[in-house]
Amino acid sequence: MDTVIAPFLDTYHRNIQISYQQMTEKILKRIKDEINAAVVKKNKIYTALTILARNLTLPAMCNEDHRKIKTLANKHVAKIYVCTEEARKSIAKMGIYAQEMINITKKHMEGSLVEAAKFIDNVRQRILQRKDINACLKQLSREAVLLGYELDLSLTNARRHNEQSCEKISVCSTIAKRSTDDAVVALKDELLQCVYA
């Protein structure tokens, strides 16, 4: 019996581990890309606003506005980092989910094997016939098919969760970028008002 079920379990466990690894790599790549883009944008913001402040020759009373330049640039990276934190948490959730699915599979198939063993023990008390063994194997096959369907569904749900995590990063990052762009425009206005006031 184990020779019938073991390959199925091994294949499923390998698939769930590979899927989890691929999903994790995709989210980590997305996180890395967002953080790198945020650092580049931070440098651009700082450079552009510093050059503007230098060209405007800010008076001493505008020193507070000058300090805001660095703060604003750093806040952008912090906002993007907050967006990526949720994705990092989802990786941990996916890991727990993958482990739960592996445990469910093992328990389900162990239960099926126990039932099959009981069936065979009952049959042994009579004369073991080929049709009884075939019936038992058919039942195990049905169990494996049903479990396979459930496992495919669970992998689909895990992939959907992964896609949603990537979408959440995108939406959060877009909001953070807009917020930073608005703050840059507002700070430019403050710098101009300070100089020309």
N, C-alpha and C. Protein backbone atom coordinates (compact mmCIF):
# COMPACT_ATOMS: atom_id res chain seq x y z
N MET A 1 0.82 -1.20 0.00
CA MET A 1 0.00 0.00 0.00
C MET A 1 0.86 1.26 0.00
N ASP A 2 1.90 1.25 0.83
CA ASP A 2 2.76 2.43 0.88
C ASP A 2 3.37 2.73 -0.48
N THR A 3 3.63 1.69 -1.25
CA THR A 3 4.21 1.92 -2.58
C THR A 3 3.23 2.59 -3.51
N VAL A 4 1.94 2.46 -3.23
CA VAL A 4 0.92 3.13 -4.04
C VAL A 4 0.78 4.58 -3.60
N ILE A 5 0.78 4.82 -2.31
CA ILE A 5 0.50 6.15 -1.75
C ILE A 5 1.74 7.02 -1.64
N ALA A 6 2.86 6.45 -1.28
CA ALA A 6 4.08 7.24 -1.03
C ALA A 6 4.47 8.13 -2.21
N PRO A 7 4.47 7.63 -3.44
CA PRO A 7 4.83 8.53 -4.54
C PRO A 7 3.89 9.73 -4.67
N PHE A 8 2.61 9.46 -4.42
CA PHE A 8 1.64 10.55 -4.46
C PHE A 8 1.96 11.61 -3.42
N LEU A 9 2.20 11.17 -2.19
CA LEU A 9 2.52 12.12 -1.12
C LEU A 9 3.81 12.87 -1.39
N ASP A 10 4.83 12.14 -1.84
CA ASP A 10 6.11 12.78 -2.14
C ASP A 10 5.95 13.84 -3.22
N THR A 11 5.20 13.50 -4.26
CA THR A 11 4.99 14.46 -5.35
C THR A 11 4.24 15.68 -4.83
N TYR A 12 3.20 15.46 -4.05
CA TYR A 12 2.44 16.60 -3.52
C TYR A 12 3.31 17.46 -2.62
N HIS A 13 4.05 16.85 -1.71
CA HIS A 13 4.88 17.62 -0.79
C HIS A 13 5.94 18.41 -1.56
N ARG A 14 6.51 17.78 -2.57
CA ARG A 14 7.49 18.48 -3.40
C ARG A 14 6.83 19.67 -4.11
N ASN A 15 5.62 19.45 -4.65
CA ASN A 15 4.91 20.53 -5.34
C ASN A 15 4.59 21.69 -4.42
N ILE A 16 4.16 21.37 -3.20
CA ILE A 16 3.81 22.45 -2.28
C ILE A 16 5.05 23.22 -1.87
N GLN A 17 6.17 22.52 -1.67
CA GLN A 17 7.41 23.19 -1.31
C GLN A 17 7.92 24.06 -2.46
N ILE A 18 7.85 23.54 -3.68
CA ILE A 18 8.29 24.31 -4.85
C ILE A 18 7.40 25.53 -5.03
N SER A 19 6.08 25.34 -4.91
CA SER A 19 5.16 26.47 -5.06
C SER A 19 5.42 27.54 -4.00
N TYR A 20 5.61 27.10 -2.76
CA TYR A 20 5.89 28.04 -1.68
C TYR A 20 7.18 28.81 -1.96
N GLN A 21 8.20 28.08 -2.42
CA GLN A 21 9.48 28.71 -2.73
C GLN A 21 9.33 29.72 -3.87
N GLN A 22 8.59 29.36 -4.92
CA GLN A 22 8.39 30.27 -6.04
C GLN A 22 7.61 31.51 -5.61
N MET A 23 6.56 31.30 -4.81
CA MET A 23 5.75 32.43 -4.35
C MET A 23 6.58 33.35 -3.46
N THR A 24 7.38 32.76 -2.60
CA THR A 24 8.23 33.56 -1.71
C THR A 24 9.24 34.36 -2.52
N GLU A 25 9.85 33.72 -3.50
CA GLU A 25 10.83 34.42 -4.35
C GLU A 25 10.18 35.57 -5.09
N LYS A 26 8.97 35.37 -5.58
CA LYS A 26 8.26 36.43 -6.31
C LYS A 26 7.99 37.63 -5.40
N ILE A 27 7.50 37.35 -4.19
CA ILE A 27 7.22 38.45 -3.26
C ILE A 27 8.52 39.14 -2.83
N LEU A 28 9.55 38.36 -2.55
CA LEU A 28 10.83 38.96 -2.13
C LEU A 28 11.43 39.83 -3.24
N LYS A 29 11.29 39.37 -4.48
CA LYS A 29 11.78 40.17 -5.60
C LYS A 29 11.00 41.49 -5.68
N ARG A 30 9.69 41.39 -5.50
CA ARG A 30 8.86 42.59 -5.54
C ARG A 30 9.25 43.56 -4.43
N ILE A 31 9.48 43.01 -3.24
CA ILE A 31 9.91 43.85 -2.10
C ILE A 31 11.24 44.53 -2.42
N LYS A 32 12.19 43.75 -2.92
CA LYS A 32 13.50 44.30 -3.26
C LYS A 32 13.39 45.40 -4.30
N ASP A 33 12.58 45.17 -5.34
CA ASP A 33 12.40 46.17 -6.40
C ASP A 33 11.80 47.45 -5.84
N GLU A 34 10.79 47.31 -4.98
CA GLU A 34 10.13 48.50 -4.40
C GLU A 34 11.10 49.28 -3.51
N ILE A 35 11.86 48.58 -2.68
CA ILE A 35 12.82 49.26 -1.79
C ILE A 35 13.90 49.95 -2.63
N ASN A 36 14.43 49.25 -3.63
CA ASN A 36 15.45 49.87 -4.49
C ASN A 36 14.91 51.10 -5.20
N ALA A 37 13.69 51.02 -5.72
CA ALA A 37 13.07 52.17 -6.39
C ALA A 37 12.87 53.32 -5.40
N ALA A 38 12.50 52.99 -4.17
CA ALA A 38 12.30 54.03 -3.15
C ALA A 38 13.61 54.73 -2.82
N VAL A 39 14.70 53.98 -2.74
CA VAL A 39 16.01 54.58 -2.45
C VAL A 39 16.43 55.50 -3.60
N VAL A 40 16.21 55.05 -4.83
CA VAL A 40 16.53 55.89 -6.00
C VAL A 40 15.70 57.17 -5.96
N LYS A 41 14.39 57.03 -5.69
CA LYS A 41 13.52 58.20 -5.64
C LYS A 41 13.93 59.13 -4.50
N LYS A 42 14.31 58.56 -3.36
CA LYS A 42 14.77 59.37 -2.23
C LYS A 42 15.95 60.24 -2.66
N ASN A 43 16.92 59.61 -3.34
CA ASN A 43 18.10 60.36 -3.78
C ASN A 43 17.73 61.45 -4.78
N LYS A 44 16.80 61.15 -5.69
CA LYS A 44 16.37 62.15 -6.67
C LYS A 44 15.66 63.32 -5.98
N ILE A 45 14.79 62.99 -5.04
CA ILE A 45 14.07 64.04 -4.30
C ILE A 45 15.07 64.92 -3.57
N TYR A 46 15.99 64.30 -2.85
CA TYR A 46 16.96 65.06 -2.07
C TYR A 46 17.81 65.95 -2.98
N THR A 47 18.28 65.36 -4.07
CA THR A 47 19.13 66.12 -5.01
C THR A 47 18.36 67.28 -5.62
N ALA A 48 17.15 67.00 -6.12
CA ALA A 48 16.36 68.05 -6.79
C ALA A 48 16.02 69.19 -5.84
N LEU A 49 15.58 68.85 -4.64
CA LEU A 49 15.21 69.90 -3.69
C LEU A 49 16.42 70.65 -3.16
N THR A 50 17.54 69.95 -2.99
CA THR A 50 18.76 70.62 -2.53
C THR A 50 19.26 71.61 -3.59
N ILE A 51 19.22 71.18 -4.84
CA ILE A 51 19.63 72.08 -5.93
C ILE A 51 18.69 73.28 -6.00
N LEU A 52 17.39 73.04 -5.84
CA LEU A 52 16.42 74.15 -5.85
C LEU A 52 16.72 75.11 -4.70
N ALA A 53 16.96 74.58 -3.52
CA ALA A 53 17.25 75.43 -2.35
C ALA A 53 18.54 76.23 -2.58
N ARG A 54 19.54 75.58 -3.16
CA ARG A 54 20.81 76.26 -3.44
C ARG A 54 20.61 77.38 -4.47
N ASN A 55 19.85 77.08 -5.52
CA ASN A 55 19.61 78.08 -6.57
C ASN A 55 18.79 79.26 -6.05
N LEU A 56 17.90 78.97 -5.11
CA LEU A 56 17.08 80.05 -4.55
C LEU A 56 17.84 80.84 -3.49
N THR A 57 18.98 80.34 -3.07
CA THR A 57 19.75 80.91 -1.96
C THR A 57 18.83 81.26 -0.79
N LEU A 58 18.46 80.22 -0.09
CA LEU A 58 17.53 80.36 1.03
C LEU A 58 18.13 81.23 2.13
N PRO A 59 17.35 82.15 2.64
CA PRO A 59 17.82 82.97 3.77
C PRO A 59 17.83 82.13 5.05
N ALA A 60 18.47 82.63 6.08
CA ALA A 60 18.61 81.90 7.35
C ALA A 60 17.26 81.55 7.96
N MET A 61 16.27 82.39 7.74
CA MET A 61 14.95 82.11 8.33
C MET A 61 14.28 80.88 7.69
N CYS A 62 14.83 80.40 6.59
CA CYS A 62 14.27 79.23 5.88
C CYS A 62 15.02 77.94 6.20
N ASN A 63 15.88 77.96 7.23
CA ASN A 63 16.66 76.77 7.56
C ASN A 63 15.76 75.56 7.88
N GLU A 64 14.61 75.83 8.50
CA GLU A 64 13.68 74.75 8.83
C GLU A 64 13.19 74.06 7.55
N ASP A 65 12.91 74.83 6.52
CA ASP A 65 12.49 74.27 5.24
C ASP A 65 13.61 73.45 4.62
N HIS A 66 14.83 73.89 4.81
CA HIS A 66 15.99 73.16 4.27
C HIS A 66 16.11 71.79 4.94
N ARG A 67 15.83 71.73 6.25
CA ARG A 67 15.89 70.45 6.97
C ARG A 67 14.77 69.51 6.53
N LYS A 68 13.67 70.10 6.14
CA LYS A 68 12.53 69.29 5.69
C LYS A 68 12.86 68.48 4.43
N ILE A 69 13.82 68.96 3.66
CA ILE A 69 14.19 68.27 2.42
C ILE A 69 14.66 66.84 2.73
N LYS A 70 15.59 66.73 3.66
CA LYS A 70 16.13 65.41 4.00
C LYS A 70 15.07 64.54 4.65
N THR A 71 14.27 65.15 5.52
CA THR A 71 13.21 64.41 6.20
C THR A 71 12.21 63.85 5.20
N LEU A 72 11.82 64.67 4.24
CA LEU A 72 10.86 64.25 3.22
C LEU A 72 11.40 63.09 2.40
N ALA A 73 12.65 63.18 2.00
CA ALA A 73 13.26 62.11 1.21
C ALA A 73 13.30 60.80 2.00
N ASN A 74 13.65 60.89 3.27
CA ASN A 74 13.72 59.68 4.11
C ASN A 74 12.33 59.09 4.40
N LYS A 75 11.33 59.97 4.53
CA LYS A 75 9.98 59.50 4.80
C LYS A 75 9.46 58.64 3.65
N HIS A 76 9.88 58.95 2.43
CA HIS A 76 9.42 58.15 1.30
C HIS A 76 9.87 56.70 1.44
N VAL A 77 11.13 56.50 1.78
CA VAL A 77 11.63 55.14 1.95
C VAL A 77 10.89 54.45 3.10
N ALA A 78 10.61 55.18 4.16
CA ALA A 78 9.90 54.60 5.31
C ALA A 78 8.49 54.16 4.91
N LYS A 79 7.81 54.97 4.09
CA LYS A 79 6.46 54.61 3.64
C LYS A 79 6.49 53.34 2.80
N ILE A 80 7.45 53.23 1.92
CA ILE A 80 7.56 52.04 1.08
C ILE A 80 7.92 50.82 1.94
N TYR A 81 8.75 51.03 2.92
CA TYR A 81 9.12 49.93 3.82
C TYR A 81 7.88 49.40 4.55
N VAL A 82 7.00 50.30 4.98
CA VAL A 82 5.76 49.89 5.63
C VAL A 82 4.92 49.02 4.68
N CYS A 83 4.89 49.41 3.41
CA CYS A 83 4.15 48.63 2.40
C CYS A 83 4.71 47.21 2.28
N THR A 84 6.01 47.10 2.34
CA THR A 84 6.63 45.79 2.15
C THR A 84 6.54 44.91 3.40
N GLU A 85 6.34 45.52 4.56
CA GLU A 85 6.21 44.75 5.80
C GLU A 85 5.03 43.79 5.73
N GLU A 86 3.92 44.25 5.17
CA GLU A 86 2.73 43.40 5.05
C GLU A 86 3.04 42.19 4.17
N ALA A 87 3.82 42.42 3.12
CA ALA A 87 4.19 41.31 2.23
C ALA A 87 5.10 40.32 2.95
N ARG A 88 5.99 40.82 3.78
CA ARG A 88 6.86 39.92 4.55
C ARG A 88 6.03 39.04 5.48
N LYS A 89 5.00 39.65 6.08
CA LYS A 89 4.12 38.87 6.96
C LYS A 89 3.37 37.81 6.17
N SER A 90 2.99 38.13 4.94
CA SER A 90 2.24 37.15 4.14
C SER A 90 3.12 35.95 3.78
N ILE A 91 4.43 36.16 3.66
CA ILE A 91 5.35 35.04 3.40
C ILE A 91 5.30 34.07 4.59
N ALA A 92 5.31 34.61 5.79
CA ALA A 92 5.23 33.76 6.98
C ALA A 92 3.90 33.01 7.01
N LYS A 93 2.82 33.70 6.66
CA LYS A 93 1.50 33.05 6.63
C LYS A 93 1.49 31.92 5.60
N MET A 94 2.10 32.17 4.45
CA MET A 94 2.13 31.13 3.42
C MET A 94 2.94 29.93 3.89
N GLY A 95 4.00 30.16 4.63
CA GLY A 95 4.80 29.06 5.16
C GLY A 95 4.00 28.20 6.12
N ILE A 96 3.24 28.85 6.99
CA ILE A 96 2.39 28.12 7.93
C ILE A 96 1.32 27.35 7.16
N TYR A 97 0.75 27.99 6.16
CA TYR A 97 -0.28 27.36 5.33
C TYR A 97 0.28 26.12 4.63
N ALA A 98 1.46 26.25 4.06
CA ALA A 98 2.08 25.12 3.35
C ALA A 98 2.32 23.96 4.32
N GLN A 99 2.82 24.26 5.50
CA GLN A 99 3.06 23.20 6.48
C GLN A 99 1.76 22.54 6.91
N GLU A 100 0.71 23.35 7.09
CA GLU A 100 -0.59 22.79 7.46
C GLU A 100 -1.11 21.86 6.37
N MET A 101 -0.94 22.25 5.12
CA MET A 101 -1.42 21.42 4.02
C MET A 101 -0.65 20.10 3.97
N ILE A 102 0.63 20.15 4.21
CA ILE A 102 1.42 18.91 4.24
C ILE A 102 0.94 18.01 5.38
N ASN A 103 0.69 18.59 6.55
CA ASN A 103 0.21 17.80 7.69
C ASN A 103 -1.17 17.21 7.42
N ILE A 104 -2.06 18.01 6.82
CA ILE A 104 -3.39 17.51 6.48
C ILE A 104 -3.28 16.33 5.52
N THR A 105 -2.41 16.47 4.54
CA THR A 105 -2.22 15.39 3.56
C THR A 105 -1.77 14.11 4.25
N LYS A 106 -0.76 14.25 5.10
CA LYS A 106 -0.24 13.06 5.80
C LYS A 106 -1.34 12.40 6.63
N LYS A 107 -2.07 13.21 7.39
CA LYS A 107 -3.12 12.65 8.25
C LYS A 107 -4.21 11.99 7.42
N HIS A 108 -4.60 12.64 6.34
CA HIS A 108 -5.67 12.10 5.49
C HIS A 108 -5.25 10.75 4.90
N MET A 109 -4.05 10.71 4.37
CA MET A 109 -3.60 9.47 3.73
C MET A 109 -3.30 8.39 4.77
N GLU A 110 -2.83 8.77 5.94
CA GLU A 110 -2.63 7.78 6.99
C GLU A 110 -3.97 7.18 7.40
N GLY A 111 -4.99 8.03 7.51
CA GLY A 111 -6.34 7.56 7.82
C GLY A 111 -6.85 6.61 6.75
N SER A 112 -6.60 6.96 5.50
CA SER A 112 -7.03 6.09 4.40
C SER A 112 -6.31 4.75 4.45
N LEU A 113 -5.02 4.78 4.79
CA LEU A 113 -4.26 3.53 4.89
C LEU A 113 -4.77 2.67 6.05
N VAL A 114 -5.12 3.31 7.15
CA VAL A 114 -5.66 2.57 8.29
C VAL A 114 -6.97 1.89 7.90
N GLU A 115 -7.82 2.65 7.21
CA GLU A 115 -9.09 2.07 6.75
C GLU A 115 -8.85 0.91 5.80
N ALA A 116 -7.89 1.08 4.90
CA ALA A 116 -7.57 0.00 3.96
C ALA A 116 -7.03 -1.22 4.70
N ALA A 117 -6.20 -0.99 5.71
CA ALA A 117 -5.65 -2.10 6.49
C ALA A 117 -6.76 -2.84 7.22
N LYS A 118 -7.72 -2.09 7.79
CA LYS A 118 -8.86 -2.74 8.45
C LYS A 118 -9.63 -3.59 7.46
N PHE A 119 -9.83 -3.03 6.28
CA PHE A 119 -10.57 -3.75 5.24
C PHE A 119 -9.85 -5.05 4.89
N ILE A 120 -8.55 -4.98 4.73
CA ILE A 120 -7.78 -6.17 4.37
C ILE A 120 -7.79 -7.19 5.51
N ASP A 121 -7.70 -6.70 6.76
CA ASP A 121 -7.76 -7.62 7.91
C ASP A 121 -9.10 -8.36 7.94
N ASN A 122 -10.17 -7.62 7.67
CA ASN A 122 -11.50 -8.24 7.63
C ASN A 122 -11.57 -9.28 6.52
N VAL A 123 -10.97 -8.97 5.40
CA VAL A 123 -11.00 -9.87 4.25
C VAL A 123 -10.13 -11.09 4.53
N ARG A 124 -9.02 -10.93 5.25
CA ARG A 124 -8.11 -12.04 5.53
C ARG A 124 -8.79 -13.12 6.37
N GLN A 125 -9.72 -12.66 7.17
CA GLN A 125 -10.43 -13.65 7.97
C GLN A 125 -11.21 -14.58 7.06
N ARG A 126 -11.62 -14.05 5.94
CA ARG A 126 -12.19 -14.91 4.91
C ARG A 126 -11.03 -15.25 3.99
N ILE A 127 -11.33 -15.81 2.89
CA ILE A 127 -10.28 -16.11 1.91
C ILE A 127 -10.03 -14.83 1.12
N LEU A 128 -8.76 -14.40 1.09
CA LEU A 128 -8.40 -13.18 0.38
C LEU A 128 -8.58 -13.40 -1.11
N GLN A 129 -9.43 -12.61 -1.68
CA GLN A 129 -9.69 -12.74 -3.11
C GLN A 129 -9.20 -11.50 -3.83
N ARG A 130 -8.88 -11.71 -5.07
CA ARG A 130 -8.34 -10.63 -5.89
C ARG A 130 -9.32 -9.45 -5.99
N LYS A 131 -10.61 -9.75 -6.09
CA LYS A 131 -11.60 -8.67 -6.21
C LYS A 131 -11.63 -7.80 -4.95
N ASP A 132 -11.36 -8.41 -3.77
CA ASP A 132 -11.33 -7.63 -2.53
C ASP A 132 -10.14 -6.66 -2.53
N ILE A 133 -9.02 -7.14 -2.99
CA ILE A 133 -7.84 -6.29 -3.07
C ILE A 133 -8.08 -5.16 -4.07
N ASN A 134 -8.67 -5.51 -5.20
CA ASN A 134 -8.97 -4.49 -6.20
C ASN A 134 -9.92 -3.44 -5.64
N ALA A 135 -10.92 -3.88 -4.89
CA ALA A 135 -11.87 -2.94 -4.28
C ALA A 135 -11.16 -2.00 -3.32
N CYS A 136 -10.25 -2.56 -2.56
CA CYS A 136 -9.48 -1.75 -1.60
C CYS A 136 -8.61 -0.73 -2.33
N LEU A 137 -7.93 -1.17 -3.37
CA LEU A 137 -7.08 -0.26 -4.15
C LEU A 137 -7.91 0.82 -4.83
N LYS A 138 -9.10 0.44 -5.31
CA LYS A 138 -9.98 1.44 -5.93
C LYS A 138 -10.38 2.50 -4.90
N GLN A 139 -10.69 2.05 -3.69
CA GLN A 139 -11.06 2.99 -2.64
C GLN A 139 -9.89 3.93 -2.32
N LEU A 140 -8.70 3.37 -2.22
CA LEU A 140 -7.53 4.21 -1.97
C LEU A 140 -7.31 5.20 -3.11
N SER A 141 -7.52 4.73 -4.33
CA SER A 141 -7.37 5.62 -5.50
C SER A 141 -8.38 6.76 -5.43
N ARG A 142 -9.63 6.43 -5.07
CA ARG A 142 -10.65 7.48 -4.93
C ARG A 142 -10.24 8.50 -3.88
N GLU A 143 -9.74 7.99 -2.76
CA GLU A 143 -9.28 8.89 -1.69
C GLU A 143 -8.16 9.79 -2.20
N ALA A 144 -7.24 9.20 -2.95
CA ALA A 144 -6.12 9.97 -3.48
C ALA A 144 -6.61 11.04 -4.46
N VAL A 145 -7.58 10.69 -5.29
CA VAL A 145 -8.13 11.66 -6.26
C VAL A 145 -8.82 12.80 -5.53
N LEU A 146 -9.65 12.44 -4.53
CA LEU A 146 -10.33 13.49 -3.76
C LEU A 146 -9.33 14.39 -3.06
N LEU A 147 -8.33 13.78 -2.46
CA LEU A 147 -7.31 14.57 -1.79
C LEU A 147 -6.54 15.42 -2.79
N GLY A 148 -6.24 14.84 -3.94
CA GLY A 148 -5.55 15.60 -4.99
C GLY A 148 -6.34 16.83 -5.40
N TYR A 149 -7.65 16.68 -5.52
CA TYR A 149 -8.51 17.82 -5.86
C TYR A 149 -8.42 18.89 -4.78
N GLU A 150 -8.53 18.46 -3.52
CA GLU A 150 -8.44 19.41 -2.41
C GLU A 150 -7.08 20.12 -2.39
N LEU A 151 -6.03 19.36 -2.67
CA LEU A 151 -4.69 19.94 -2.64
C LEU A 151 -4.49 20.91 -3.78
N ASP A 152 -5.01 20.59 -4.95
CA ASP A 152 -4.94 21.53 -6.08
C ASP A 152 -5.66 22.82 -5.73
N LEU A 153 -6.80 22.68 -5.09
CA LEU A 153 -7.56 23.85 -4.66
C LEU A 153 -6.76 24.67 -3.65
N SER A 154 -6.08 23.98 -2.73
CA SER A 154 -5.29 24.71 -1.73
C SER A 154 -4.11 25.42 -2.39
N LEU A 155 -3.48 24.80 -3.39
CA LEU A 155 -2.38 25.46 -4.10
C LEU A 155 -2.90 26.68 -4.85
N THR A 156 -4.08 26.54 -5.45
CA THR A 156 -4.69 27.68 -6.16
C THR A 156 -4.95 28.82 -5.18
N ASN A 157 -5.46 28.49 -4.01
CA ASN A 157 -5.70 29.52 -2.99
C ASN A 157 -4.40 30.18 -2.54
N ALA A 158 -3.36 29.39 -2.40
CA ALA A 158 -2.06 29.95 -2.00
C ALA A 158 -1.53 30.88 -3.08
N ARG A 159 -1.68 30.49 -4.35
CA ARG A 159 -1.24 31.37 -5.45
C ARG A 159 -2.05 32.66 -5.47
N ARG A 160 -3.35 32.54 -5.23
CA ARG A 160 -4.21 33.72 -5.19
C ARG A 160 -3.76 34.65 -4.06
N HIS A 161 -3.46 34.07 -2.91
CA HIS A 161 -2.97 34.85 -1.77
C HIS A 161 -1.68 35.59 -2.15
N ASN A 162 -0.81 34.90 -2.86
CA ASN A 162 0.44 35.49 -3.32
C ASN A 162 0.18 36.66 -4.26
N GLU A 163 -0.72 36.47 -5.21
CA GLU A 163 -1.05 37.55 -6.15
C GLU A 163 -1.64 38.75 -5.41
N GLN A 164 -2.49 38.47 -4.43
CA GLN A 164 -3.08 39.56 -3.65
C GLN A 164 -2.01 40.30 -2.87
N SER A 165 -1.01 39.58 -2.36
CA SER A 165 0.08 40.24 -1.62
C SER A 165 0.85 41.16 -2.55
N CYS A 166 1.12 40.70 -3.77
CA CYS A 166 1.84 41.53 -4.75
C CYS A 166 1.00 42.76 -5.13
N GLU A 167 -0.31 42.56 -5.29
CA GLU A 167 -1.19 43.69 -5.61
C GLU A 167 -1.22 44.70 -4.47
N LYS A 168 -1.25 44.20 -3.24
CA LYS A 168 -1.26 45.10 -2.08
C LYS A 168 0.01 45.93 -2.04
N ILE A 169 1.15 45.31 -2.36
CA ILE A 169 2.40 46.07 -2.40
C ILE A 169 2.28 47.18 -3.45
N SER A 170 1.76 46.84 -4.62
CA SER A 170 1.63 47.82 -5.70
C SER A 170 0.74 48.98 -5.30
N VAL A 171 -0.44 48.66 -4.75
CA VAL A 171 -1.39 49.70 -4.37
C VAL A 171 -0.79 50.59 -3.28
N CYS A 172 -0.22 49.97 -2.26
CA CYS A 172 0.37 50.72 -1.15
C CYS A 172 1.52 51.60 -1.65
N SER A 173 2.36 51.05 -2.53
CA SER A 173 3.49 51.80 -3.07
C SER A 173 3.02 52.98 -3.92
N THR A 174 1.99 52.75 -4.70
CA THR A 174 1.44 53.83 -5.54
C THR A 174 0.92 54.97 -4.66
N ILE A 175 0.20 54.61 -3.60
CA ILE A 175 -0.32 55.63 -2.69
C ILE A 175 0.84 56.38 -2.03
N ALA A 176 1.86 55.65 -1.60
CA ALA A 176 3.03 56.28 -0.96
C ALA A 176 3.74 57.21 -1.94
N LYS A 177 3.88 56.78 -3.20
CA LYS A 177 4.55 57.62 -4.21
C LYS A 177 3.77 58.90 -4.47
N ARG A 178 2.45 58.76 -4.57
CA ARG A 178 1.61 59.96 -4.78
C ARG A 178 1.73 60.92 -3.61
N SER A 179 1.67 60.34 -2.42
CA SER A 179 1.78 61.15 -1.21
C SER A 179 3.12 61.89 -1.18
N THR A 180 4.19 61.19 -1.54
CA THR A 180 5.51 61.82 -1.56
C THR A 180 5.57 62.90 -2.64
N ASP A 181 5.02 62.60 -3.82
CA ASP A 181 5.01 63.61 -4.89
C ASP A 181 4.27 64.87 -4.45
N ASP A 182 3.13 64.69 -3.78
CA ASP A 182 2.37 65.84 -3.27
C ASP A 182 3.18 66.61 -2.23
N ALA A 183 3.88 65.88 -1.37
CA ALA A 183 4.70 66.52 -0.34
C ALA A 183 5.86 67.29 -0.96
N VAL A 184 6.44 66.76 -2.05
CA VAL A 184 7.53 67.45 -2.75
C VAL A 184 7.03 68.76 -3.34
N VAL A 185 5.87 68.71 -3.99
CA VAL A 185 5.29 69.93 -4.58
C VAL A 185 5.02 70.96 -3.48
N ALA A 186 4.46 70.50 -2.36
CA ALA A 186 4.17 71.41 -1.24
C ALA A 186 5.46 72.02 -0.68
N LEU A 187 6.52 71.21 -0.57
CA LEU A 187 7.78 71.73 -0.04
C LEU A 187 8.43 72.71 -1.01
N LYS A 188 8.33 72.45 -2.30
CA LYS A 188 8.84 73.41 -3.29
C LYS A 188 8.13 74.75 -3.14
N ASP A 189 6.80 74.68 -2.96
CA ASP A 189 6.03 75.91 -2.75
C ASP A 189 6.49 76.64 -1.49
N GLU A 190 6.72 75.87 -0.42
CA GLU A 190 7.19 76.48 0.83
C GLU A 190 8.53 77.18 0.63
N LEU A 191 9.44 76.51 -0.10
CA LEU A 191 10.75 77.09 -0.36
C LEU A 191 10.61 78.40 -1.15
N LEU A 192 9.78 78.37 -2.18
CA LEU A 192 9.58 79.58 -2.99
C LEU A 192 8.94 80.69 -2.15
N GLN A 193 7.95 80.36 -1.33
CA GLN A 193 7.28 81.36 -0.51
C GLN A 193 8.24 81.95 0.52
N CYS A 194 9.11 81.10 1.05
CA CYS A 194 10.06 81.59 2.05
C CYS A 194 11.03 82.59 1.44
N VAL A 195 11.47 82.29 0.21
CA VAL A 195 12.42 83.17 -0.45
C VAL A 195 11.75 84.47 -0.89
N TYR A 196 10.56 84.35 -1.45
CA TYR A 196 9.91 85.53 -2.04
C TYR A 196 8.93 86.22 -1.10
N ALA A 197 8.85 85.77 0.14
CA ALA A 197 7.92 86.40 1.08
C ALA A 197 8.46 87.70 1.61
